């Protein structure tokens, strides 16, 4: 994420604006299923602004190919032989001098995959069953320096604890409103959407987000969401 994280909000695939889309994004696709991999390549290569530069059949090959091809984004499957996608993401981002952005893609709505992917440094997480245009938009958004925290299919998978939870983030000294903002960040809402939800101004939300990042020692919004999950402030669970 760029230094504008606190001010620009988190982009979701369905909310992409033309101003954040790169003119041409190079993409590496990593998936152990040849049919799926070929299908993704064919469909995504047909999307405007995306050039597929290579494929990988497992996590080890994904890291190796990324080193050679230097793609802007790697679309990384989770369950692959030799090295799974989450560990491949962690290795790729740790070892590369100028690492690509990573969007983790999977068939499974598994909360552990979401938090694992974010902890490894992925900038996005999408489901394979999403329409290809949404996957393409996620790739473009991530390439532009934003994050795709939760696709629409996973938006209901966070259930907050009651406000003022004493055990949540005890050392961060977040105010009640800052905890509320962090929970909304974890559901993937952008700053304007948080402002609308809380009936406050956009500038107020930007201030709260900045305070949250500072108090948590978070590098960006994605890192803050990982901390929220790991601390228990936000817990997985389906809500109506």
Foldseek 3Di string as FASTA:
>chain_A
DDPCQLQWFFDALVRDDPVLFDQAFEEEEEAQDPVLRVVLQVLLCPDGRYDYDYYHNFLVRQLVVCQVVVGQEYAAEADGPPDGRLRSLLVNVVPDPDGHAYAYEYQDPDPCVLLSNLVSPHQYYYYPPDPSSSVSSQSRNVSSPHGHNDHPVCLQFKDFDDFPPCQFPVQLPQDSVLLVLLSVSNSRDTLVRVCVVVVHDSVVSSVSSVSQCVSVVHPHSSSSNSSCDVRRRIDTDGDD
